[in-house]
Amino acid sequence: MKKVWLDSYPEGVPHEVEYDQYSSVLDIFEESVAQYGDKPAFTNMGTTLTYKELDEQAKSFAGYLQGTLGMQAGDRIAVMMPNLLQYPIALFGAMKAGLTVINVNPLYTARELKHQLNDSSADAIIIVANFAHTLQEVIDESPLKHVIVTEMGDALKGFKSFLVNFMIKKVKKMIPPYNLPNAISYKEVITEGKKQSLNPVQLTQNDIAFLQYTGGTTGVSKGAVLTHGNMVANIQQCSGWLSTLLVPGEEIIITALPMYHIFALTANCMVFCKLGGQNVLITNPRDMPGFVKELSKYKFTAITGVNTLFNGLLHTPGFESLDFSRTHMALGGGMAIQEAVANHWKKVTGIPIIEAYGLTETSPAATMNPMNLTEFNGTIGLPISSTEVSIRDEKGKELPFGEAGGLWIRGPQVMRGYLERPEETAKVLTEDGWFATGDVATMDEKGFCKIVDRKKDMILVSGFNVYPNEIEEVVVSHDKVLEVAAVGIPSESSGEVVKIFVVKKDPSLTEEEILAYCKENLTGYKIPKAIEFIPELPKSNVGKILRRELRDK
């Protein structure tokens, strides 16, 4: 396909980006420390770390991993926490020690955690105490050698640290009892790590930065292998794209999406570190009144979010009276932004939501709308710098403008493959570097792309991928269930929610029993919100369940 999109690029956006000058994500971070040392880097619960302070603590963390635990370059550490200051400390600390980071959703059930730890061959984990009981259930069946436990307030300064930890543990009783006899406390790691001398590790673009888990296009959660080269390329691509709007060293971005998710990991944590920006971390964005109260403390310049987050803010009292005088960027992704939400947002804040598109497998950014857009256009934008997009039919033949087909992406940000799953990798990645997204899209003559459907049966709940196979596997293991099919149904609050159609094996089976069973085995956003009992599931002539028929019911 002719690169028609290049003619639609705003002035100043590069057609191609340079990404060879950095050998790793760590190079980018260390350049920012040198350049923006005394500027605020991350803020959470009233504590701010400058770039220098963050670097010092990351060094201590790395020193402990290397010196005390004896971890080597290439070893793997799982990071299981919400947005806290410990996250960037552990992330950049792990990289200083040459480790690969495995991001883990802290709300995972024991079953989900066990799969990810074993599939990734994790050597160590840093986990927030609130979720340590989940780890306790599976630690003996995991490859873990080292466990670091942190409490929410551990990285806060002064009395605040004690106060937050006391409130969470003693007053709110938010830490279920757990027993991890060989766990090391985070505070000990930082204190002891300061005494260790760090042996610098020379990372290359071929080294693995992240094993970032996704369902990919089908079934069980798979580790997308994202190299330092992939991440550096995407940071450079996004920075080049945003450079027309953002001022280095002056930006304050609101980070409410969890950094364990690829969107906030790259867009907020990485890109804004490169720009010398300040990330304001929101630990619990579900507490909307608390979130708005936190927003009132900052003249923030940028915010990223998914449709549900923007919609939630708009419907929270007090949001409309915040100071938006410095806000010049709202970037939406993870799921489709609804036009009504975009229009409401512009009316309240005075700025449009700029929609972008990406996947875990593309580190994630692949397409983005121009930053000079003044009105919401309902598209996912143009292929970003150094990125090609192709719309193809089932046989792989390129389709003309305006025709719907499979969306394919090629660029330096495309993953190496799925960890130790060559067959799965071969299904989505061609030898010449094209990645099949599984989404159906169109492209117009100017290069703007629009998602029209999904080939895959994936359900998108508040920007998180939910795979029907996983839900079905859990529900059908209930001894009173004969058959089950899971589909996504529209939801005003989260885009989609899970609905299951169940065929009973035992007539006494109730909705309540199924829900209780799901709560034991599935993370909150995967739990079905609707259950319908039916006598039989519709199937094709080869016995494949026809989910589309169920969706159309």
Protein backbone atom coordinates (compact mmCIF):
# COMPACT_ATOMS: atom_id res chain seq x y z
CA MET A 1 0.00 0.00 0.00
CA LYS A 2 1.35 3.43 -0.97
CA LYS A 3 2.21 5.43 2.16
CA VAL A 4 -0.58 7.95 1.60
CA TRP A 5 -0.67 8.72 5.31
CA LEU A 6 2.63 10.60 5.15
CA ASP A 7 0.92 13.48 3.31
CA SER A 8 -1.49 13.82 6.26
CA TYR A 9 1.28 14.16 8.87
CA PRO A 10 1.25 17.49 10.73
CA GLU A 11 4.25 19.74 10.16
CA GLY A 12 7.22 18.76 12.29
CA VAL A 13 6.31 15.08 12.67
CA PRO A 14 9.11 12.88 11.23
CA HIS A 15 8.23 10.27 8.59
CA GLU A 16 10.90 8.00 10.05
CA VAL A 17 12.46 8.05 13.52
CA GLU A 18 16.02 7.40 14.64
CA TYR A 19 16.22 4.76 17.31
CA ASP A 20 19.79 3.49 16.99
CA GLN A 21 21.27 6.14 19.30
CA TYR A 22 19.89 4.32 22.36
CA SER A 23 20.90 0.75 23.11
CA SER A 24 18.11 0.31 25.70
CA VAL A 25 15.23 1.89 27.60
CA LEU A 26 17.73 2.40 30.44
CA ASP A 27 19.84 4.65 28.16
CA ILE A 28 16.81 6.90 27.66
CA PHE A 29 16.08 7.01 31.39
CA GLU A 30 19.71 7.80 32.30
CA GLU A 31 19.81 10.59 29.72
CA SER A 32 16.73 12.11 31.39
CA VAL A 33 18.33 11.81 34.84
CA ALA A 34 21.36 13.73 33.54
CA GLN A 35 19.19 16.34 31.81
CA TYR A 36 16.29 16.78 34.27
CA GLY A 37 17.87 15.62 37.56
CA ASP A 38 16.18 18.11 39.91
CA LYS A 39 12.81 18.13 38.15
CA PRO A 40 9.88 16.08 39.55
CA ALA A 41 9.63 12.64 37.95
CA PHE A 42 6.89 10.75 39.83
CA THR A 43 4.34 11.90 42.40
CA ASN A 44 2.05 9.71 44.50
CA MET A 45 0.00 10.37 47.65
CA GLY A 46 1.71 13.72 48.22
CA THR A 47 5.31 12.50 47.81
CA THR A 48 7.38 13.56 44.80
CA LEU A 49 10.61 11.95 43.62
CA THR A 50 12.91 13.96 41.37
CA TYR A 51 14.74 12.20 38.55
CA LYS A 52 17.91 12.11 40.69
CA GLU A 53 16.06 10.65 43.70
CA LEU A 54 14.36 8.04 41.52
CA ASP A 55 17.74 7.10 40.03
CA GLU A 56 19.34 6.75 43.47
CA GLN A 57 16.56 4.47 44.74
CA ALA A 58 16.61 2.43 41.52
CA LYS A 59 20.38 1.97 42.04
CA SER A 60 19.76 0.72 45.59
CA PHE A 61 17.12 -1.71 44.32
CA ALA A 62 19.48 -2.94 41.59
CA GLY A 63 22.36 -3.22 44.06
CA TYR A 64 20.34 -5.55 46.28
CA LEU A 65 19.21 -7.70 43.32
CA GLN A 66 22.79 -8.06 42.13
CA GLY A 67 24.82 -8.02 45.35
CA THR A 68 22.60 -9.73 47.92
CA LEU A 69 20.34 -11.92 45.79
CA GLY A 70 23.02 -12.68 43.18
CA MET A 71 20.65 -12.08 40.27
CA GLN A 72 22.29 -12.02 36.84
CA ALA A 73 21.60 -10.13 33.62
CA GLY A 74 18.77 -11.90 31.78
CA ASP A 75 17.06 -13.12 34.96
CA ARG A 76 13.36 -12.31 35.23
CA ILE A 77 11.45 -10.35 37.86
CA ALA A 78 7.65 -10.11 38.14
CA VAL A 79 6.26 -6.76 39.31
CA MET A 80 2.78 -7.06 40.83
CA MET A 81 1.46 -3.71 42.04
CA PRO A 82 -0.86 -0.81 41.25
CA ASN A 83 0.47 2.69 40.50
CA LEU A 84 2.86 3.40 43.38
CA LEU A 85 6.30 5.05 43.54
CA GLN A 86 7.78 1.57 44.05
CA TYR A 87 6.80 0.72 40.47
CA PRO A 88 9.26 3.00 38.60
CA ILE A 89 11.90 2.32 41.29
CA ALA A 90 11.59 -1.45 40.77
CA LEU A 91 11.27 -1.10 36.99
CA PHE A 92 14.38 1.02 36.40
CA GLY A 93 16.21 -0.81 39.20
CA ALA A 94 15.54 -4.16 37.52
CA MET A 95 16.84 -2.73 34.23
CA LYS A 96 20.01 -1.42 35.92
CA ALA A 97 20.63 -5.01 37.05
CA GLY A 98 20.00 -6.23 33.47
CA LEU A 99 16.76 -8.04 34.34
CA THR A 100 13.66 -8.65 32.25
CA VAL A 101 10.43 -7.30 33.77
CA ILE A 102 7.18 -9.29 33.82
CA ASN A 103 4.22 -7.02 34.56
CA VAL A 104 1.50 -8.74 36.59
CA ASN A 105 -2.01 -7.47 37.26
CA PRO A 106 -2.25 -7.29 41.09
CA LEU A 107 -5.91 -8.37 40.96
CA TYR A 108 -5.08 -11.74 39.40
CA THR A 109 -6.46 -14.85 41.04
CA ALA A 110 -4.11 -17.58 42.21
CA ARG A 111 -4.81 -19.57 39.03
CA GLU A 112 -3.91 -16.64 36.75
CA LEU A 113 -0.80 -15.75 38.76
CA LYS A 114 0.44 -19.34 38.76
CA HIS A 115 0.14 -19.54 34.97
CA GLN A 116 2.06 -16.32 34.42
CA LEU A 117 4.87 -17.11 36.88
CA ASN A 118 5.39 -20.56 35.41
CA ASP A 119 5.01 -19.57 31.77
CA SER A 120 7.54 -16.74 32.17
CA SER A 121 9.97 -18.73 34.38
CA ALA A 122 10.05 -15.80 36.82
CA ASP A 123 13.06 -15.86 39.17
CA ALA A 124 11.79 -13.17 41.56
CA ILE A 125 8.73 -11.09 42.34
CA ILE A 126 8.05 -7.76 44.02
CA ILE A 127 4.48 -7.74 45.29
CA VAL A 128 2.32 -5.40 47.37
CA ALA A 129 1.35 -6.91 50.74
CA ASN A 130 -2.37 -6.50 49.94
CA PHE A 131 -2.03 -9.30 47.34
CA ALA A 132 0.59 -11.48 49.06
CA HIS A 133 -2.08 -14.00 50.14
CA THR A 134 -2.66 -14.82 46.45
CA LEU A 135 1.04 -15.55 45.98
CA GLN A 136 1.06 -17.71 49.10
CA GLU A 137 -1.43 -20.08 47.42
CA VAL A 138 0.85 -20.80 44.44
CA ILE A 139 4.42 -20.10 45.52
CA ASP A 140 5.27 -23.78 46.05
CA GLU A 141 4.15 -24.54 42.49
CA SER A 142 6.14 -21.65 40.98
CA PRO A 143 9.80 -21.21 39.90
CA LEU A 144 10.30 -18.20 42.21
CA LYS A 145 13.56 -18.00 44.16
CA HIS A 146 13.10 -14.54 45.71
CA VAL A 147 10.07 -12.64 47.05
CA ILE A 148 10.10 -8.94 47.93
CA VAL A 149 7.00 -7.63 49.73
CA THR A 150 6.20 -3.93 49.86
CA GLU A 151 3.46 -2.02 51.64
CA MET A 152 1.57 0.80 49.91
CA GLY A 153 3.33 3.63 51.75
CA ASP A 154 6.89 2.24 51.69
CA ALA A 155 8.29 4.73 49.15
CA LEU A 156 6.55 7.80 50.64
CA LYS A 157 8.64 10.35 52.52
CA GLY A 158 8.73 10.93 56.29
CA PHE A 159 5.74 10.34 58.56
CA LYS A 160 3.46 9.87 55.50
CA SER A 161 5.00 6.45 54.92
CA PHE A 162 4.13 5.25 58.45
CA LEU A 163 0.67 6.85 58.35
CA VAL A 164 -0.41 5.30 55.02
CA ASN A 165 0.86 1.85 56.03
CA PHE A 166 -0.84 2.10 59.45
CA MET A 167 -4.18 3.17 57.90
CA ILE A 168 -4.13 0.38 55.30
CA LYS A 169 -3.06 -2.36 57.69
CA LYS A 170 -4.64 -1.50 61.04
CA VAL A 171 -7.56 0.84 60.31
CA LYS A 172 -8.89 -0.23 56.91
CA LYS A 173 -7.62 -3.82 57.35
CA MET A 174 -6.87 -4.08 53.64
CA ILE A 175 -4.09 -6.67 53.97
CA PRO A 176 -5.45 -10.23 54.24
CA PRO A 177 -3.26 -12.51 56.40
CA TYR A 178 -0.46 -14.24 54.48
CA ASN A 179 2.53 -16.44 55.22
CA LEU A 180 5.61 -16.08 53.01
CA PRO A 181 8.42 -17.09 55.41
CA ASN A 182 11.36 -16.19 53.15
CA ALA A 183 10.00 -12.87 51.89
CA ILE A 184 12.23 -9.79 52.12
CA SER A 185 10.74 -6.39 52.95
CA TYR A 186 11.08 -3.63 50.37
CA LYS A 187 12.44 -1.21 52.97
CA GLU A 188 15.23 -3.68 53.78
CA VAL A 189 16.00 -4.03 50.06
CA ILE A 190 16.47 -0.26 49.66
CA THR A 191 18.44 0.14 52.93
CA GLU A 192 20.78 -2.80 52.26
CA GLY A 193 20.99 -2.05 48.53
CA LYS A 194 22.50 1.39 49.26
CA LYS A 195 25.54 -0.37 50.73
CA GLN A 196 26.09 -2.51 47.64
CA SER A 197 28.19 -1.43 44.70
CA LEU A 198 26.40 -1.85 41.39
CA ASN A 199 28.12 -3.51 38.46
CA PRO A 200 26.82 -1.68 35.37
CA VAL A 201 25.23 -3.99 32.79
CA GLN A 202 25.56 -3.22 29.08
CA LEU A 203 22.11 -3.82 27.62
CA THR A 204 21.54 -4.06 23.87
CA GLN A 205 18.47 -3.60 21.70
CA ASN A 206 18.27 -7.40 21.38
CA ASP A 207 17.86 -7.93 25.13
CA ILE A 208 14.34 -8.58 26.39
CA ALA A 209 12.91 -5.59 28.27
CA PHE A 210 9.45 -7.00 29.03
CA LEU A 211 7.48 -10.21 28.90
CA GLN A 212 4.12 -8.50 28.55
CA TYR A 213 1.19 -10.89 28.87
CA THR A 214 -1.79 -10.85 26.53
CA GLY A 215 -4.30 -13.30 25.18
CA GLY A 216 -2.96 -12.34 21.74
CA THR A 217 -5.50 -13.43 19.18
CA THR A 218 -6.69 -16.61 20.89
CA GLY A 219 -6.94 -18.50 24.11
CA VAL A 220 -4.53 -18.75 26.99
CA SER A 221 -2.49 -15.74 28.09
CA LYS A 222 0.82 -15.53 26.22
CA GLY A 223 4.00 -13.53 26.89
CA ALA A 224 4.73 -11.03 24.13
CA VAL A 225 8.53 -10.74 23.95
CA LEU A 226 9.24 -7.00 23.81
CA THR A 227 12.91 -6.18 23.35
CA HIS A 228 14.68 -2.99 24.36
CA GLY A 229 14.78 -2.28 20.61
CA ASN A 230 10.97 -2.57 20.36
CA MET A 231 10.45 -0.27 23.33
CA VAL A 232 13.09 2.30 22.30
CA ALA A 233 11.52 2.46 18.83
CA ASN A 234 8.02 3.03 20.23
CA ILE A 235 9.24 5.66 22.72
CA GLN A 236 10.94 7.48 19.84
CA GLN A 237 7.88 7.11 17.60
CA CYS A 238 5.50 8.47 20.25
CA SER A 239 7.89 11.26 21.26
CA GLY A 240 8.26 12.33 17.62
CA TRP A 241 4.49 12.32 17.22
CA LEU A 242 3.82 14.26 20.44
CA SER A 243 6.70 16.73 19.97
CA THR A 244 4.43 19.17 18.14
CA LEU A 245 2.34 19.57 21.30
CA LEU A 246 4.50 18.85 24.35
CA VAL A 247 7.29 20.92 25.92
CA PRO A 248 10.23 18.92 27.38
CA GLY A 249 10.67 19.46 31.12
CA GLU A 250 7.31 21.23 31.51
CA GLU A 251 4.65 18.50 31.31
CA ILE A 252 2.54 17.07 34.15
CA ILE A 253 0.70 13.92 33.09
CA ILE A 254 -2.04 12.20 35.05
CA THR A 255 -1.35 8.45 35.17
CA ALA A 256 -4.53 6.72 36.26
CA LEU A 257 -4.27 3.73 33.93
CA PRO A 258 -2.13 1.04 35.59
CA MET A 259 1.51 1.02 34.46
CA TYR A 260 1.46 -2.78 34.36
CA HIS A 261 -0.75 -2.30 31.26
CA ILE A 262 1.21 -1.63 28.06
CA PHE A 263 -0.66 1.63 27.27
CA ALA A 264 0.37 3.54 30.42
CA LEU A 265 3.73 1.74 30.57
CA THR A 266 4.86 3.25 27.27
CA ALA A 267 2.70 6.36 26.88
CA ASN A 268 3.03 7.65 30.46
CA CYS A 269 5.95 6.03 32.25
CA MET A 270 8.38 5.83 29.32
CA VAL A 271 7.51 8.70 26.97
CA PHE A 272 7.06 11.27 29.73
CA CYS A 273 10.32 10.17 31.36
CA LYS A 274 12.06 10.84 28.05
CA LEU A 275 10.41 14.28 27.97
CA GLY A 276 11.42 15.06 31.56
CA GLY A 277 7.76 15.20 32.55
CA GLN A 278 6.10 14.57 35.90
CA ASN A 279 3.88 11.48 36.23
CA VAL A 280 1.15 11.96 38.86
CA LEU A 281 0.28 8.39 39.86
CA ILE A 282 -3.32 7.61 40.77
CA THR A 283 -3.30 4.39 42.81
CA ASN A 284 -7.05 3.82 42.88
CA PRO A 285 -8.84 5.56 39.98
CA ARG A 286 -12.03 3.65 40.83
CA ASP A 287 -12.48 6.03 43.75
CA MET A 288 -13.71 8.76 41.43
CA PRO A 289 -14.35 11.46 44.10
CA GLY A 290 -10.82 10.83 45.48
CA PHE A 291 -9.43 10.91 41.93
CA VAL A 292 -11.05 14.30 41.21
CA LYS A 293 -9.79 15.64 44.56
CA GLU A 294 -6.25 14.59 43.57
CA LEU A 295 -6.63 16.25 40.14
CA SER A 296 -7.56 19.54 41.85
CA LYS A 297 -4.02 19.73 43.32
CA TYR A 298 -2.26 19.96 39.94
CA LYS A 299 -2.35 22.19 36.89
CA PHE A 300 -1.90 19.07 34.79
CA THR A 301 -1.04 19.38 31.11
CA ALA A 302 -1.90 15.88 29.88
CA ILE A 303 -3.96 12.81 30.69
CA THR A 304 -4.31 9.38 29.11
CA GLY A 305 -7.35 7.18 29.53
CA VAL A 306 -9.84 4.72 28.16
CA ASN A 307 -13.44 5.59 27.35
CA THR A 308 -14.73 4.41 30.75
CA LEU A 309 -12.21 6.57 32.63
CA PHE A 310 -13.07 9.74 30.70
CA ASN A 311 -16.78 9.00 31.11
CA GLY A 312 -16.38 8.33 34.84
CA LEU A 313 -14.59 11.64 35.40
CA LEU A 314 -17.22 13.56 33.46
CA HIS A 315 -19.93 12.14 35.74
CA THR A 316 -18.08 12.89 38.99
CA PRO A 317 -19.13 16.08 40.82
CA GLY A 318 -16.36 18.65 40.91
CA PHE A 319 -14.61 17.55 37.73
CA GLU A 320 -16.21 20.28 35.64
CA SER A 321 -14.84 23.00 37.95
CA LEU A 322 -11.17 21.87 37.75
CA ASP A 323 -8.54 24.17 36.23
CA PHE A 324 -7.94 23.01 32.64
CA SER A 325 -6.04 26.17 31.61
CA ARG A 326 -2.78 24.26 31.06
CA THR A 327 -4.29 20.98 29.84
CA HIS A 328 -3.47 20.45 26.18
CA MET A 329 -3.52 16.69 25.66
CA ALA A 330 -6.08 13.95 26.34
CA LEU A 331 -4.99 10.71 24.70
CA GLY A 332 -7.50 7.88 24.43
CA GLY A 333 -6.83 4.24 23.62
CA GLY A 334 -7.31 0.70 24.87
CA MET A 335 -10.89 0.59 23.59
CA ALA A 336 -13.04 2.67 21.24
CA ILE A 337 -13.82 6.18 22.44
CA GLN A 338 -17.54 6.84 22.14
CA GLU A 339 -18.50 10.01 20.28
CA ALA A 340 -20.89 11.15 23.04
CA VAL A 341 -18.08 10.89 25.61
CA ALA A 342 -15.62 12.73 23.32
CA ASN A 343 -18.11 15.56 22.72
CA HIS A 344 -18.91 15.88 26.42
CA TRP A 345 -15.17 15.91 27.25
CA LYS A 346 -14.46 18.72 24.76
CA LYS A 347 -17.37 20.75 26.15
CA VAL A 348 -16.10 20.46 29.74
CA THR A 349 -12.32 20.68 29.25
CA GLY A 350 -12.07 22.64 26.00
CA ILE A 351 -9.75 20.07 24.41
CA PRO A 352 -10.52 17.05 22.20
CA ILE A 353 -9.75 13.43 23.04
CA ILE A 354 -7.08 12.31 20.56
CA GLU A 355 -7.65 8.64 19.80
CA ALA A 356 -4.78 6.21 19.22
CA TYR A 357 -4.56 2.47 18.59
CA GLY A 358 -2.10 -0.17 19.60
CA LEU A 359 -1.64 -3.65 20.99
CA THR A 360 0.62 -5.34 23.50
CA GLU A 361 2.36 -6.95 20.52
CA THR A 362 3.25 -3.52 19.07
CA SER A 363 4.71 -2.02 22.27
CA PRO A 364 1.82 -0.66 21.90
CA ALA A 365 1.43 2.41 19.61
CA ALA A 366 0.71 1.71 15.94
CA THR A 367 -1.64 4.49 14.79
CA MET A 368 -2.48 7.89 16.24
CA ASN A 369 -4.50 10.92 15.32
CA PRO A 370 -2.62 14.15 14.62
CA MET A 371 -2.03 16.20 17.74
CA ASN A 372 -3.42 19.31 16.02
CA LEU A 373 -6.87 17.73 15.71
CA THR A 374 -9.54 20.04 17.07
CA GLU A 375 -12.57 17.74 16.82
CA PHE A 376 -13.09 14.03 17.51
CA ASN A 377 -13.15 12.16 14.18
CA GLY A 378 -14.02 8.58 15.20
CA THR A 379 -10.88 7.12 13.59
CA ILE A 380 -7.80 5.56 15.18
CA GLY A 381 -5.66 7.96 13.16
CA LEU A 382 -2.66 7.47 10.88
CA PRO A 383 0.18 4.94 11.00
CA ILE A 384 2.82 6.59 13.22
CA SER A 385 6.41 7.32 12.12
CA SER A 386 8.39 4.32 10.76
CA THR A 387 5.17 2.25 10.69
CA GLU A 388 3.30 0.66 7.80
CA VAL A 389 -0.32 -0.47 7.81
CA SER A 390 -1.95 -2.79 5.31
CA ILE A 391 -5.63 -3.77 4.95
CA ARG A 392 -5.90 -7.31 3.57
CA ASP A 393 -8.48 -9.92 2.66
CA GLU A 394 -8.54 -13.49 4.01
CA LYS A 395 -5.94 -14.59 1.43
CA GLY A 396 -3.54 -11.82 2.35
CA LYS A 397 -4.26 -9.69 -0.73
CA GLU A 398 -4.21 -5.93 -0.17
CA LEU A 399 -7.60 -4.23 -0.43
CA PRO A 400 -8.44 -0.82 -1.94
CA PHE A 401 -9.24 2.27 0.16
CA GLY A 402 -12.55 2.13 2.00
CA GLU A 403 -12.83 -1.68 1.93
CA ALA A 404 -12.87 -3.55 5.22
CA GLY A 405 -10.27 -6.21 5.83
CA GLY A 406 -7.72 -7.52 8.28
CA LEU A 407 -5.48 -4.85 9.82
CA TRP A 408 -1.77 -5.68 9.45
CA ILE A 409 1.10 -3.67 10.97
CA ARG A 410 4.82 -3.57 10.30
CA GLY A 411 7.43 -1.53 12.17
CA PRO A 412 10.35 -1.69 14.61
CA GLN A 413 7.90 -1.77 17.55
CA VAL A 414 6.43 -5.17 16.57
CA MET A 415 7.30 -7.86 19.14
CA ARG A 416 9.85 -10.61 18.54
CA GLY A 417 7.11 -13.20 19.08
CA TYR A 418 5.23 -15.03 21.84
CA LEU A 419 7.47 -16.59 24.49
CA GLU A 420 8.22 -20.22 23.57
CA ARG A 421 5.11 -20.47 21.37
CA PRO A 422 6.43 -20.72 17.79
CA GLU A 423 3.10 -22.01 16.40
CA GLU A 424 1.15 -19.09 17.92
CA THR A 425 3.81 -16.65 16.70
CA ALA A 426 3.65 -18.06 13.15
CA LYS A 427 -0.12 -17.49 13.08
CA VAL A 428 0.27 -13.72 13.53
CA LEU A 429 3.76 -12.78 12.37
CA THR A 430 5.07 -13.17 8.80
CA GLU A 431 8.74 -13.71 7.96
CA ASP A 432 8.93 -10.21 6.48
CA GLY A 433 7.72 -8.64 9.74
CA TRP A 434 3.99 -8.07 9.21
CA PHE A 435 1.79 -8.59 12.28
CA ALA A 436 -1.86 -9.62 11.90
CA THR A 437 -3.82 -7.77 14.58
CA GLY A 438 -7.02 -9.79 14.24
CA ASP A 439 -8.98 -6.53 13.97
CA VAL A 440 -11.00 -5.59 10.89
CA ALA A 441 -10.46 -2.04 9.65
CA THR A 442 -10.71 0.34 6.72
CA MET A 443 -8.30 3.01 5.49
CA ASP A 444 -9.34 6.12 3.58
CA GLU A 445 -7.40 7.93 0.83
CA LYS A 446 -5.70 10.16 3.41
CA GLY A 447 -4.44 7.20 5.44
CA PHE A 448 -6.87 7.47 8.36
CA CYS A 449 -7.82 4.05 9.74
CA LYS A 450 -11.05 2.98 11.38
CA ILE A 451 -11.77 -0.22 13.29
CA VAL A 452 -15.04 -1.71 12.07
CA ASP A 453 -15.11 -5.14 13.69
CA ARG A 454 -13.01 -7.81 15.36
CA LYS A 455 -12.21 -11.12 13.79
CA LYS A 456 -11.38 -12.53 17.13
CA ASP A 457 -14.06 -13.09 19.71
CA MET A 458 -12.12 -11.11 22.27
CA ILE A 459 -14.21 -9.06 24.71
CA LEU A 460 -12.89 -5.60 25.64
CA VAL A 461 -13.79 -4.60 29.21
CA SER A 462 -12.55 -1.10 30.11
CA GLY A 463 -9.57 -1.54 27.79
CA PHE A 464 -8.63 -4.98 29.14
CA ASN A 465 -8.68 -8.04 26.89
CA VAL A 466 -10.96 -10.85 28.03
CA TYR A 467 -10.78 -14.10 26.10
CA PRO A 468 -13.96 -16.22 25.90
CA ASN A 469 -11.93 -19.47 25.94
CA GLU A 470 -10.56 -18.68 29.39
CA ILE A 471 -13.99 -17.84 30.84
CA GLU A 472 -15.51 -20.97 29.27
CA GLU A 473 -12.70 -23.16 30.58
CA VAL A 474 -13.33 -21.96 34.15
CA VAL A 475 -17.15 -22.16 34.05
CA VAL A 476 -17.30 -25.57 32.36
CA SER A 477 -15.06 -27.01 35.11
CA HIS A 478 -18.01 -26.51 37.52
CA ASP A 479 -19.48 -29.97 38.03
CA LYS A 480 -23.07 -28.82 37.39
CA VAL A 481 -22.26 -27.21 33.99
CA LEU A 482 -22.56 -29.14 30.72
CA GLU A 483 -21.57 -26.47 28.19
CA VAL A 484 -20.91 -22.74 28.16
CA ALA A 485 -20.20 -19.93 25.71
CA ALA A 486 -18.95 -16.44 26.61
CA VAL A 487 -19.58 -13.31 24.55
CA GLY A 488 -19.25 -9.58 25.00
CA ILE A 489 -22.35 -7.44 25.27
CA PRO A 490 -22.42 -3.62 25.14
CA SER A 491 -22.10 -1.71 28.41
CA GLU A 492 -22.37 2.04 28.93
CA SER A 493 -19.89 1.97 31.78
CA SER A 494 -17.14 -0.31 30.44
CA GLY A 495 -17.67 -0.63 26.68
CA GLU A 496 -18.43 -4.32 26.98
CA VAL A 497 -19.10 -6.84 29.74
CA VAL A 498 -19.02 -10.62 29.73
CA LYS A 499 -22.24 -12.56 29.23
CA ILE A 500 -22.31 -16.35 29.43
CA PHE A 501 -24.82 -18.82 28.02
CA VAL A 502 -24.92 -21.96 30.12
CA VAL A 503 -26.31 -25.43 29.43
CA LYS A 504 -26.99 -27.18 32.77
CA LYS A 505 -25.77 -30.67 33.62
CA ASP A 506 -27.60 -30.55 36.96
CA PRO A 507 -31.03 -28.82 36.92
CA SER A 508 -30.43 -27.43 40.43
CA LEU A 509 -27.61 -25.11 39.19
CA THR A 510 -28.23 -21.43 40.02
CA GLU A 511 -26.77 -18.10 38.82
CA GLU A 512 -25.45 -17.50 42.34
CA GLU A 513 -23.43 -20.74 42.29
CA ILE A 514 -21.83 -19.83 38.97
CA LEU A 515 -20.99 -16.30 40.13
CA ALA A 516 -19.41 -17.54 43.36
CA TYR A 517 -17.33 -20.02 41.34
CA CYS A 518 -16.22 -17.33 38.89
CA LYS A 519 -15.20 -15.01 41.74
CA GLU A 520 -12.88 -17.72 43.05
CA ASN A 521 -11.17 -18.24 39.71
CA LEU A 522 -11.35 -15.01 37.70
CA THR A 523 -10.22 -11.39 38.10
CA GLY A 524 -13.06 -8.90 38.62
CA TYR A 525 -13.31 -7.58 35.07
CA LYS A 526 -13.54 -11.12 33.66
CA ILE A 527 -16.48 -12.14 35.87
CA PRO A 528 -19.73 -12.48 33.86
CA LYS A 529 -22.22 -9.66 34.43
CA ALA A 530 -25.05 -11.58 32.73
CA ILE A 531 -25.89 -15.29 32.82
CA GLU A 532 -28.50 -16.96 30.65
CA PHE A 533 -29.47 -20.63 30.87
CA ILE A 534 -30.32 -22.20 27.51
CA PRO A 535 -31.17 -25.80 26.49
CA GLU A 536 -28.35 -26.04 23.89
CA LEU A 537 -25.63 -23.92 22.26
CA PRO A 538 -25.77 -23.10 18.53
CA LYS A 539 -22.99 -24.92 16.64
CA SER A 540 -21.59 -25.18 13.13
CA ASN A 541 -21.58 -28.44 11.18
CA VAL A 542 -18.14 -29.26 12.61
CA GLY A 543 -19.34 -28.61 16.17
CA LYS A 544 -17.80 -25.17 16.63
CA ILE A 545 -19.85 -22.96 18.94
CA LEU A 546 -21.33 -20.05 16.99
CA ARG A 547 -20.70 -17.15 19.33
CA ARG A 548 -21.91 -14.65 16.74
CA GLU A 549 -25.41 -16.15 16.90
CA LEU A 550 -25.39 -15.77 20.66
CA ARG A 551 -24.22 -12.16 20.41
CA ASP A 552 -27.10 -11.45 18.04
CA LYS A 553 -29.69 -12.94 20.42
